[in-house]
Amino acid sequence: MAIWLTTDEYRKLAAVVDLMIPADETPGAAEAGTVDYIDGLLGAFEVDPPRIWAGGPFSGRTGGPAGFAEFLPLSALDELAWRTRIEGSLGIAEREFNGPVVGLHQRYREGLDSLGVDFVQSDVQEQARRLKGNEMFASLVYEHVCEGMYGPPEYGGNRNGIGWSLIGTVGDVQPRGWTDDEVSLP
């Protein structure tokens, strides 16, 4: 269930991320939950506290309490900065101290809209052609796909550590840490 994206936008974004990191003999970006990561970022302020800073100090994956499962409240300055980044300045004076800002909400809505209503039904070559026609949007999505693919699963992506396993890492290991053999060069 989407947090911020509409059902159609969610499906369209799933097709986009599959173009960027497709499934083959290994899981792709959609299977890793990158759409959920992006939707969670866009909808960060739909929950309280906002899904910006996971708690800590440990994830609980290798010991210690699962502190990342709880999100921390934002300071007033953090909230201003993140709302400006996500929502844009919206003509609000305190958000426009450096001028107007187009937020991620608008960039995603316009970018997904630019792909056309039949994007999901189009063949892969046509999807790639359309996405290439909007390089700024493709670059934005790719940045978020990488974050969602390889970041901590608590933010909605890297489902079951899929991204970490694909690059041969176990992810965070605190509080256990690494042994000397694990960090020594052969």
N, C-alpha and C. Protein backbone atom coordinates (compact mmCIF):
# COMPACT_ATOMS: atom_id res chain seq x y z
N MET A 1 0.84 -1.18 0.00
CA MET A 1 0.00 0.00 0.00
C MET A 1 0.88 1.24 0.00
N ALA A 2 0.62 2.13 -0.92
CA ALA A 2 1.44 3.33 -1.06
C ALA A 2 1.14 4.34 0.05
N ILE A 3 2.16 5.08 0.39
CA ILE A 3 2.04 6.12 1.40
C ILE A 3 1.69 7.45 0.73
N TRP A 4 2.42 7.83 -0.31
CA TRP A 4 2.23 9.11 -0.96
C TRP A 4 1.86 8.96 -2.43
N LEU A 5 2.47 8.01 -3.12
CA LEU A 5 2.20 7.81 -4.54
C LEU A 5 0.78 7.29 -4.75
N THR A 6 0.17 7.66 -5.88
CA THR A 6 -1.09 7.05 -6.25
C THR A 6 -0.81 5.62 -6.73
N THR A 7 -1.83 4.82 -6.87
CA THR A 7 -1.65 3.45 -7.34
C THR A 7 -1.01 3.43 -8.72
N ASP A 8 -1.47 4.30 -9.62
CA ASP A 8 -0.89 4.35 -10.97
C ASP A 8 0.56 4.82 -10.94
N GLU A 9 0.87 5.81 -10.11
CA GLU A 9 2.25 6.28 -9.99
C GLU A 9 3.14 5.18 -9.43
N TYR A 10 2.64 4.45 -8.47
CA TYR A 10 3.41 3.36 -7.86
C TYR A 10 3.76 2.32 -8.92
N ARG A 11 2.78 1.93 -9.72
CA ARG A 11 3.03 0.94 -10.78
C ARG A 11 4.03 1.47 -11.81
N LYS A 12 3.85 2.72 -12.17
CA LYS A 12 4.75 3.32 -13.16
C LYS A 12 6.18 3.38 -12.62
N LEU A 13 6.32 3.78 -11.35
CA LEU A 13 7.65 3.85 -10.74
C LEU A 13 8.27 2.46 -10.63
N ALA A 14 7.46 1.43 -10.36
CA ALA A 14 7.97 0.06 -10.32
C ALA A 14 8.55 -0.33 -11.67
N ALA A 15 7.90 0.06 -12.76
CA ALA A 15 8.43 -0.23 -14.10
C ALA A 15 9.73 0.53 -14.34
N VAL A 16 9.81 1.77 -13.86
CA VAL A 16 11.02 2.57 -14.02
C VAL A 16 12.19 1.93 -13.29
N VAL A 17 12.00 1.55 -12.03
CA VAL A 17 13.11 1.00 -11.26
C VAL A 17 13.55 -0.35 -11.83
N ASP A 18 12.61 -1.09 -12.42
CA ASP A 18 12.97 -2.35 -13.06
C ASP A 18 13.82 -2.14 -14.30
N LEU A 19 13.68 -1.00 -14.94
CA LEU A 19 14.56 -0.67 -16.06
C LEU A 19 15.97 -0.39 -15.57
N MET A 20 16.07 0.22 -14.40
CA MET A 20 17.37 0.64 -13.88
C MET A 20 18.17 -0.52 -13.30
N ILE A 21 17.53 -1.36 -12.51
CA ILE A 21 18.17 -2.56 -11.96
C ILE A 21 17.17 -3.70 -12.16
N PRO A 22 17.22 -4.31 -13.34
CA PRO A 22 16.24 -5.36 -13.65
C PRO A 22 16.55 -6.67 -12.92
N ALA A 23 15.49 -7.43 -12.72
CA ALA A 23 15.67 -8.78 -12.17
C ALA A 23 16.17 -9.68 -13.30
N ASP A 24 17.11 -10.53 -12.96
CA ASP A 24 17.56 -11.57 -13.89
C ASP A 24 17.71 -12.82 -13.03
N GLU A 25 18.89 -13.39 -12.94
CA GLU A 25 19.07 -14.50 -12.00
C GLU A 25 19.14 -14.00 -10.56
N THR A 26 19.22 -12.70 -10.40
CA THR A 26 19.20 -12.08 -9.07
C THR A 26 18.01 -11.12 -9.00
N PRO A 27 17.56 -10.79 -7.80
CA PRO A 27 16.43 -9.86 -7.68
C PRO A 27 16.79 -8.47 -8.21
N GLY A 28 15.78 -7.79 -8.72
CA GLY A 28 15.96 -6.43 -9.22
C GLY A 28 15.52 -5.40 -8.20
N ALA A 29 15.51 -4.16 -8.63
CA ALA A 29 15.19 -3.04 -7.73
C ALA A 29 13.77 -3.11 -7.19
N ALA A 30 12.82 -3.50 -8.02
CA ALA A 30 11.44 -3.58 -7.54
C ALA A 30 11.31 -4.64 -6.45
N GLU A 31 11.92 -5.79 -6.65
CA GLU A 31 11.88 -6.86 -5.65
C GLU A 31 12.57 -6.45 -4.35
N ALA A 32 13.57 -5.59 -4.46
CA ALA A 32 14.29 -5.13 -3.27
C ALA A 32 13.53 -4.06 -2.50
N GLY A 33 12.40 -3.61 -3.04
CA GLY A 33 11.58 -2.63 -2.31
C GLY A 33 11.95 -1.19 -2.56
N THR A 34 12.65 -0.89 -3.66
CA THR A 34 13.07 0.49 -3.88
C THR A 34 11.88 1.43 -4.09
N VAL A 35 10.79 0.93 -4.64
CA VAL A 35 9.60 1.78 -4.81
C VAL A 35 9.05 2.13 -3.43
N ASP A 36 9.04 1.17 -2.51
CA ASP A 36 8.59 1.46 -1.15
C ASP A 36 9.51 2.46 -0.46
N TYR A 37 10.81 2.34 -0.72
CA TYR A 37 11.76 3.31 -0.16
C TYR A 37 11.43 4.72 -0.67
N ILE A 38 11.26 4.86 -1.98
CA ILE A 38 10.99 6.18 -2.58
C ILE A 38 9.65 6.71 -2.08
N ASP A 39 8.63 5.86 -2.06
CA ASP A 39 7.32 6.27 -1.57
C ASP A 39 7.40 6.70 -0.10
N GLY A 40 8.19 5.98 0.68
CA GLY A 40 8.37 6.35 2.09
C GLY A 40 9.07 7.68 2.25
N LEU A 41 10.04 7.96 1.39
CA LEU A 41 10.72 9.26 1.43
C LEU A 41 9.74 10.37 1.06
N LEU A 42 8.99 10.17 -0.01
CA LEU A 42 8.03 11.18 -0.45
C LEU A 42 6.91 11.38 0.57
N GLY A 43 6.57 10.32 1.29
CA GLY A 43 5.51 10.39 2.29
C GLY A 43 6.02 10.47 3.71
N ALA A 44 7.25 10.91 3.88
CA ALA A 44 7.87 10.94 5.20
C ALA A 44 7.04 11.71 6.22
N PHE A 45 6.36 12.76 5.78
CA PHE A 45 5.60 13.59 6.72
C PHE A 45 4.15 13.14 6.87
N GLU A 46 3.83 11.98 6.31
CA GLU A 46 2.49 11.42 6.48
C GLU A 46 2.38 10.65 7.79
N VAL A 47 3.52 10.44 8.47
CA VAL A 47 3.54 9.72 9.74
C VAL A 47 4.24 10.59 10.79
N ASP A 48 4.03 10.24 12.05
CA ASP A 48 4.66 10.98 13.13
C ASP A 48 5.35 10.00 14.07
N PRO A 49 6.66 10.13 14.31
CA PRO A 49 7.54 11.13 13.71
C PRO A 49 7.81 10.81 12.24
N PRO A 50 8.19 11.84 11.49
CA PRO A 50 8.49 11.62 10.07
C PRO A 50 9.58 10.57 9.88
N ARG A 51 9.48 9.83 8.80
CA ARG A 51 10.45 8.76 8.52
C ARG A 51 11.71 9.35 7.87
N ILE A 52 12.47 10.11 8.66
CA ILE A 52 13.70 10.73 8.16
C ILE A 52 14.91 10.11 8.85
N TRP A 53 14.94 10.16 10.16
CA TRP A 53 16.09 9.65 10.91
C TRP A 53 15.68 8.42 11.70
N ALA A 54 16.19 7.25 11.31
CA ALA A 54 15.97 6.04 12.09
C ALA A 54 16.73 6.18 13.41
N GLY A 55 16.17 5.60 14.46
CA GLY A 55 16.82 5.65 15.77
C GLY A 55 18.09 4.83 15.80
N GLY A 56 18.45 4.37 16.91
CA GLY A 56 19.68 3.61 17.02
C GLY A 56 20.00 3.39 18.47
N PRO A 57 21.20 3.07 18.82
CA PRO A 57 22.37 3.07 17.95
C PRO A 57 22.54 1.79 17.12
N PHE A 58 21.70 0.76 17.37
CA PHE A 58 21.88 -0.51 16.67
C PHE A 58 20.61 -0.89 15.93
N SER A 59 20.77 -1.68 14.86
CA SER A 59 19.62 -2.15 14.09
C SER A 59 18.98 -3.37 14.72
N GLY A 60 19.72 -4.10 15.53
CA GLY A 60 19.23 -5.34 16.11
C GLY A 60 19.51 -6.56 15.24
N ARG A 61 20.07 -6.36 14.05
CA ARG A 61 20.33 -7.50 13.16
C ARG A 61 21.42 -8.42 13.69
N THR A 62 22.39 -7.87 14.41
CA THR A 62 23.49 -8.71 14.92
C THR A 62 23.69 -8.48 16.41
N GLY A 63 22.62 -8.20 17.11
CA GLY A 63 22.68 -7.98 18.55
C GLY A 63 22.26 -6.58 18.92
N GLY A 64 22.02 -6.39 20.17
CA GLY A 64 21.55 -5.10 20.64
C GLY A 64 20.08 -4.91 20.30
N PRO A 65 19.47 -3.89 20.85
CA PRO A 65 18.06 -3.64 20.56
C PRO A 65 17.87 -3.14 19.12
N ALA A 66 16.69 -3.36 18.58
CA ALA A 66 16.37 -2.93 17.21
C ALA A 66 15.99 -1.45 17.21
N GLY A 67 16.97 -0.60 17.47
CA GLY A 67 16.73 0.83 17.59
C GLY A 67 16.36 1.52 16.29
N PHE A 68 16.76 0.95 15.15
CA PHE A 68 16.44 1.58 13.86
C PHE A 68 14.95 1.50 13.56
N ALA A 69 14.22 0.62 14.23
CA ALA A 69 12.80 0.44 13.96
C ALA A 69 11.98 1.67 14.38
N GLU A 70 12.50 2.45 15.28
CA GLU A 70 11.83 3.67 15.73
C GLU A 70 12.46 4.88 15.06
N PHE A 71 11.64 5.79 14.60
CA PHE A 71 12.16 7.01 13.98
C PHE A 71 12.15 8.14 14.99
N LEU A 72 13.15 9.02 14.86
CA LEU A 72 13.35 10.10 15.82
C LEU A 72 12.59 11.35 15.40
N PRO A 73 12.11 12.12 16.38
CA PRO A 73 11.48 13.40 16.03
C PRO A 73 12.53 14.35 15.45
N LEU A 74 12.08 15.24 14.60
CA LEU A 74 12.98 16.20 13.96
C LEU A 74 13.04 17.49 14.75
N SER A 75 14.19 18.14 14.70
CA SER A 75 14.29 19.49 15.24
C SER A 75 13.53 20.41 14.29
N ALA A 76 13.25 21.60 14.73
CA ALA A 76 12.53 22.56 13.88
C ALA A 76 13.32 22.84 12.60
N LEU A 77 14.63 22.95 12.71
CA LEU A 77 15.47 23.22 11.54
C LEU A 77 15.49 22.01 10.58
N ASP A 78 15.59 20.80 11.15
CA ASP A 78 15.53 19.59 10.31
C ASP A 78 14.20 19.52 9.57
N GLU A 79 13.12 19.79 10.27
CA GLU A 79 11.81 19.73 9.63
C GLU A 79 11.70 20.75 8.51
N LEU A 80 12.16 21.96 8.74
CA LEU A 80 12.13 22.98 7.70
C LEU A 80 12.93 22.53 6.48
N ALA A 81 14.13 22.03 6.71
CA ALA A 81 14.99 21.60 5.60
C ALA A 81 14.37 20.43 4.83
N TRP A 82 13.89 19.43 5.54
CA TRP A 82 13.33 18.25 4.87
C TRP A 82 12.00 18.55 4.20
N ARG A 83 11.16 19.37 4.82
CA ARG A 83 9.90 19.73 4.16
C ARG A 83 10.18 20.52 2.88
N THR A 84 11.17 21.39 2.93
CA THR A 84 11.53 22.16 1.73
C THR A 84 12.04 21.22 0.66
N ARG A 85 12.89 20.29 1.02
CA ARG A 85 13.43 19.33 0.05
C ARG A 85 12.33 18.46 -0.55
N ILE A 86 11.43 17.97 0.28
CA ILE A 86 10.41 17.04 -0.18
C ILE A 86 9.21 17.76 -0.79
N GLU A 87 8.68 18.75 -0.11
CA GLU A 87 7.45 19.42 -0.55
C GLU A 87 7.73 20.62 -1.46
N GLY A 88 8.93 21.16 -1.40
CA GLY A 88 9.24 22.39 -2.13
C GLY A 88 8.95 23.60 -1.26
N SER A 89 9.22 24.77 -1.80
CA SER A 89 9.02 25.98 -0.99
C SER A 89 7.56 26.41 -0.92
N LEU A 90 6.77 26.08 -1.93
CA LEU A 90 5.32 26.35 -1.93
C LEU A 90 4.96 27.80 -1.63
N GLY A 91 5.86 28.71 -1.93
CA GLY A 91 5.60 30.12 -1.68
C GLY A 91 5.69 30.51 -0.21
N ILE A 92 6.15 29.63 0.64
CA ILE A 92 6.27 29.89 2.08
C ILE A 92 7.59 30.62 2.31
N ALA A 93 7.52 31.79 2.89
CA ALA A 93 8.68 32.67 3.02
C ALA A 93 9.88 31.98 3.69
N GLU A 94 9.65 31.28 4.79
CA GLU A 94 10.78 30.67 5.49
C GLU A 94 11.44 29.56 4.68
N ARG A 95 10.75 29.04 3.68
CA ARG A 95 11.34 28.01 2.82
C ARG A 95 12.02 28.62 1.59
N GLU A 96 11.83 29.89 1.38
CA GLU A 96 12.39 30.53 0.19
C GLU A 96 13.52 31.51 0.50
N PHE A 97 14.23 31.29 1.60
CA PHE A 97 15.32 32.20 1.94
C PHE A 97 16.42 32.20 0.90
N ASN A 98 16.54 31.11 0.11
CA ASN A 98 17.50 31.06 -0.99
C ASN A 98 16.79 31.06 -2.34
N GLY A 99 15.53 31.42 -2.34
CA GLY A 99 14.75 31.42 -3.56
C GLY A 99 13.80 30.24 -3.61
N PRO A 100 12.94 30.21 -4.62
CA PRO A 100 11.96 29.13 -4.74
C PRO A 100 12.63 27.76 -4.93
N VAL A 101 12.02 26.73 -4.37
CA VAL A 101 12.54 25.37 -4.45
C VAL A 101 11.44 24.46 -5.01
N VAL A 102 11.78 23.71 -6.04
CA VAL A 102 10.89 22.68 -6.56
C VAL A 102 11.20 21.42 -5.78
N GLY A 103 10.22 20.92 -5.06
CA GLY A 103 10.44 19.77 -4.20
C GLY A 103 10.33 18.44 -4.93
N LEU A 104 10.69 17.40 -4.19
CA LEU A 104 10.62 16.05 -4.75
C LEU A 104 9.21 15.67 -5.15
N HIS A 105 8.20 16.14 -4.40
CA HIS A 105 6.82 15.84 -4.77
C HIS A 105 6.54 16.27 -6.21
N GLN A 106 6.82 17.51 -6.52
CA GLN A 106 6.55 18.03 -7.86
C GLN A 106 7.43 17.34 -8.90
N ARG A 107 8.68 17.12 -8.56
CA ARG A 107 9.60 16.49 -9.52
C ARG A 107 9.15 15.07 -9.86
N TYR A 108 8.69 14.32 -8.87
CA TYR A 108 8.20 12.97 -9.14
C TYR A 108 6.87 13.00 -9.89
N ARG A 109 5.94 13.85 -9.47
CA ARG A 109 4.63 13.90 -10.16
C ARG A 109 4.84 14.26 -11.63
N GLU A 110 5.62 15.29 -11.89
CA GLU A 110 5.85 15.71 -13.28
C GLU A 110 6.65 14.67 -14.05
N GLY A 111 7.66 14.08 -13.42
CA GLY A 111 8.48 13.08 -14.09
C GLY A 111 7.70 11.84 -14.46
N LEU A 112 6.91 11.34 -13.53
CA LEU A 112 6.09 10.16 -13.83
C LEU A 112 5.04 10.47 -14.87
N ASP A 113 4.45 11.66 -14.77
CA ASP A 113 3.44 12.07 -15.76
C ASP A 113 4.04 12.15 -17.16
N SER A 114 5.29 12.61 -17.25
CA SER A 114 5.93 12.78 -18.56
C SER A 114 6.15 11.46 -19.29
N LEU A 115 6.08 10.35 -18.57
CA LEU A 115 6.30 9.04 -19.18
C LEU A 115 5.08 8.53 -19.94
N GLY A 116 3.93 9.15 -19.71
CA GLY A 116 2.72 8.77 -20.43
C GLY A 116 1.86 7.80 -19.65
N VAL A 117 0.56 7.83 -19.94
CA VAL A 117 -0.40 6.99 -19.21
C VAL A 117 -0.24 5.51 -19.53
N ASP A 118 0.34 5.19 -20.68
CA ASP A 118 0.49 3.80 -21.10
C ASP A 118 1.91 3.26 -20.86
N PHE A 119 2.67 3.93 -20.03
CA PHE A 119 4.06 3.55 -19.80
C PHE A 119 4.19 2.10 -19.34
N VAL A 120 3.40 1.69 -18.36
CA VAL A 120 3.51 0.34 -17.80
C VAL A 120 3.21 -0.71 -18.86
N GLN A 121 2.27 -0.43 -19.75
CA GLN A 121 1.88 -1.39 -20.78
C GLN A 121 2.85 -1.40 -21.97
N SER A 122 3.70 -0.41 -22.07
CA SER A 122 4.64 -0.32 -23.19
C SER A 122 5.73 -1.35 -23.07
N ASP A 123 6.35 -1.71 -24.21
CA ASP A 123 7.46 -2.66 -24.15
C ASP A 123 8.69 -1.98 -23.56
N VAL A 124 9.64 -2.79 -23.15
CA VAL A 124 10.82 -2.31 -22.43
C VAL A 124 11.60 -1.29 -23.26
N GLN A 125 11.72 -1.49 -24.56
CA GLN A 125 12.46 -0.54 -25.40
C GLN A 125 11.77 0.82 -25.41
N GLU A 126 10.45 0.82 -25.49
CA GLU A 126 9.70 2.08 -25.48
C GLU A 126 9.81 2.75 -24.11
N GLN A 127 9.73 1.96 -23.05
CA GLN A 127 9.90 2.52 -21.71
C GLN A 127 11.26 3.17 -21.57
N ALA A 128 12.30 2.49 -22.03
CA ALA A 128 13.66 3.03 -21.94
C ALA A 128 13.79 4.31 -22.76
N ARG A 129 13.18 4.35 -23.93
CA ARG A 129 13.22 5.54 -24.78
C ARG A 129 12.58 6.73 -24.07
N ARG A 130 11.43 6.50 -23.48
CA ARG A 130 10.72 7.59 -22.77
C ARG A 130 11.51 8.06 -21.56
N LEU A 131 12.06 7.12 -20.82
CA LEU A 131 12.83 7.50 -19.63
C LEU A 131 14.07 8.28 -20.04
N LYS A 132 14.72 7.86 -21.10
CA LYS A 132 15.92 8.57 -21.57
C LYS A 132 15.56 9.99 -22.03
N GLY A 133 14.34 10.18 -22.47
CA GLY A 133 13.89 11.50 -22.89
C GLY A 133 13.74 12.48 -21.74
N ASN A 134 13.79 12.00 -20.52
CA ASN A 134 13.71 12.86 -19.34
C ASN A 134 14.88 12.51 -18.42
N GLU A 135 16.07 12.90 -18.86
CA GLU A 135 17.30 12.52 -18.14
C GLU A 135 17.36 13.05 -16.72
N MET A 136 16.82 14.26 -16.48
CA MET A 136 16.87 14.80 -15.12
C MET A 136 16.04 13.94 -14.17
N PHE A 137 14.86 13.51 -14.63
CA PHE A 137 14.03 12.65 -13.80
C PHE A 137 14.69 11.29 -13.62
N ALA A 138 15.23 10.74 -14.69
CA ALA A 138 15.90 9.44 -14.61
C ALA A 138 17.05 9.49 -13.62
N SER A 139 17.81 10.58 -13.61
CA SER A 139 18.93 10.73 -12.69
C SER A 139 18.45 10.79 -11.24
N LEU A 140 17.36 11.52 -11.00
CA LEU A 140 16.78 11.61 -9.67
C LEU A 140 16.33 10.24 -9.18
N VAL A 141 15.60 9.52 -10.02
CA VAL A 141 15.12 8.20 -9.63
C VAL A 141 16.29 7.26 -9.39
N TYR A 142 17.30 7.30 -10.25
CA TYR A 142 18.44 6.41 -10.09
C TYR A 142 19.13 6.64 -8.75
N GLU A 143 19.28 7.89 -8.36
CA GLU A 143 19.88 8.19 -7.05
C GLU A 143 19.08 7.53 -5.94
N HIS A 144 17.76 7.65 -6.01
CA HIS A 144 16.91 7.07 -4.98
C HIS A 144 16.86 5.55 -5.07
N VAL A 145 16.96 5.00 -6.28
CA VAL A 145 17.01 3.55 -6.43
C VAL A 145 18.26 3.00 -5.74
N CYS A 146 19.38 3.66 -5.92
CA CYS A 146 20.61 3.21 -5.25
C CYS A 146 20.47 3.28 -3.74
N GLU A 147 19.89 4.36 -3.23
CA GLU A 147 19.66 4.48 -1.79
C GLU A 147 18.75 3.36 -1.30
N GLY A 148 17.67 3.11 -2.03
CA GLY A 148 16.72 2.08 -1.64
C GLY A 148 17.25 0.66 -1.81
N MET A 149 18.15 0.48 -2.73
CA MET A 149 18.70 -0.84 -3.00
C MET A 149 19.74 -1.25 -1.96
N TYR A 150 20.54 -0.28 -1.50
CA TYR A 150 21.68 -0.61 -0.66
C TYR A 150 21.66 0.02 0.74
N GLY A 151 20.64 0.80 1.05
CA GLY A 151 20.55 1.44 2.36
C GLY A 151 19.94 0.51 3.40
N PRO A 152 19.84 0.97 4.62
CA PRO A 152 19.24 0.16 5.69
C PRO A 152 17.79 -0.18 5.37
N PRO A 153 17.38 -1.44 5.57
CA PRO A 153 16.02 -1.87 5.26
C PRO A 153 14.92 -1.12 6.02
N GLU A 154 15.26 -0.52 7.14
CA GLU A 154 14.26 0.20 7.94
C GLU A 154 13.59 1.34 7.17
N TYR A 155 14.23 1.82 6.11
CA TYR A 155 13.67 2.91 5.33
C TYR A 155 12.75 2.42 4.21
N GLY A 156 12.54 1.11 4.12
CA GLY A 156 11.59 0.57 3.16
C GLY A 156 12.19 -0.18 1.99
N GLY A 157 13.45 0.04 1.69
CA GLY A 157 14.11 -0.66 0.59
C GLY A 157 15.01 -1.76 1.11
N ASN A 158 15.85 -2.28 0.23
CA ASN A 158 16.79 -3.35 0.58
C ASN A 158 16.09 -4.45 1.37
N ARG A 159 14.91 -4.82 0.86
CA ARG A 159 14.08 -5.82 1.53
C ARG A 159 14.88 -7.11 1.78
N ASN A 160 14.86 -7.55 3.03
CA ASN A 160 15.58 -8.76 3.45
C ASN A 160 17.08 -8.69 3.15
N GLY A 161 17.63 -7.50 3.03
CA GLY A 161 19.06 -7.35 2.76
C GLY A 161 19.46 -7.76 1.36
N ILE A 162 18.50 -7.76 0.42
CA ILE A 162 18.76 -8.18 -0.97
C ILE A 162 19.94 -7.42 -1.57
N GLY A 163 19.92 -6.11 -1.45
CA GLY A 163 21.00 -5.30 -2.04
C GLY A 163 22.35 -5.63 -1.44
N TRP A 164 22.37 -5.79 -0.13
CA TRP A 164 23.63 -6.11 0.53
C TRP A 164 24.17 -7.45 0.05
N SER A 165 23.28 -8.43 -0.08
CA SER A 165 23.75 -9.76 -0.51
C SER A 165 24.28 -9.71 -1.94
N LEU A 166 23.70 -8.87 -2.79
CA LEU A 166 24.16 -8.78 -4.17
C LEU A 166 25.57 -8.20 -4.28
N ILE A 167 25.97 -7.38 -3.32
CA ILE A 167 27.31 -6.80 -3.37
C ILE A 167 28.25 -7.48 -2.37
N GLY A 168 27.78 -8.56 -1.76
CA GLY A 168 28.65 -9.36 -0.90
C GLY A 168 28.96 -8.75 0.45
N THR A 169 28.01 -8.05 1.04
CA THR A 169 28.22 -7.51 2.38
C THR A 169 27.05 -7.91 3.26
N VAL A 170 27.29 -7.98 4.55
CA VAL A 170 26.22 -8.32 5.49
C VAL A 170 25.52 -7.06 6.00
N GLY A 171 25.99 -5.91 5.57
CA GLY A 171 25.39 -4.66 6.05
C GLY A 171 25.97 -4.26 7.38
N ASP A 172 25.16 -3.57 8.18
CA ASP A 172 25.67 -3.12 9.47
C ASP A 172 25.83 -4.31 10.41
N VAL A 173 26.86 -4.27 11.19
CA VAL A 173 27.16 -5.37 12.11
C VAL A 173 27.37 -4.89 13.54
N GLN A 174 27.01 -3.67 13.83
CA GLN A 174 27.16 -3.18 15.19
C GLN A 174 26.06 -3.78 16.05
N PRO A 175 26.27 -4.16 17.27
CA PRO A 175 27.42 -3.85 18.09
C PRO A 175 28.54 -4.88 18.00
N ARG A 176 28.37 -5.94 17.21
CA ARG A 176 29.39 -6.98 17.13
C ARG A 176 30.67 -6.46 16.53
N GLY A 177 30.59 -5.68 15.47
CA GLY A 177 31.78 -5.16 14.81
C GLY A 177 32.42 -6.19 13.89
N TRP A 178 33.60 -5.90 13.42
CA TRP A 178 34.33 -6.77 12.51
C TRP A 178 35.56 -7.33 13.23
N THR A 179 35.92 -8.55 12.86
CA THR A 179 37.15 -9.14 13.41
C THR A 179 38.32 -8.63 12.59
N ASP A 180 39.54 -8.82 13.11
CA ASP A 180 40.73 -8.41 12.37
C ASP A 180 40.81 -9.12 11.02
N ASP A 181 40.46 -10.40 10.98
CA ASP A 181 40.49 -11.15 9.71
C ASP A 181 39.51 -10.59 8.70
N GLU A 182 38.38 -10.10 9.15
CA GLU A 182 37.37 -9.58 8.23
C GLU A 182 37.77 -8.25 7.59
N VAL A 183 38.64 -7.51 8.24
CA VAL A 183 39.06 -6.21 7.69
C VAL A 183 40.47 -6.21 7.15
N SER A 184 41.18 -7.32 7.26
CA SER A 184 42.55 -7.41 6.75
C SER A 184 42.55 -7.78 5.29
N LEU A 185 43.48 -7.22 4.57
CA LEU A 185 43.63 -7.57 3.17
C LEU A 185 44.33 -8.91 3.05
N PRO A 186 43.98 -9.71 2.01
CA PRO A 186 44.63 -11.01 1.84
C PRO A 186 46.09 -10.90 1.50
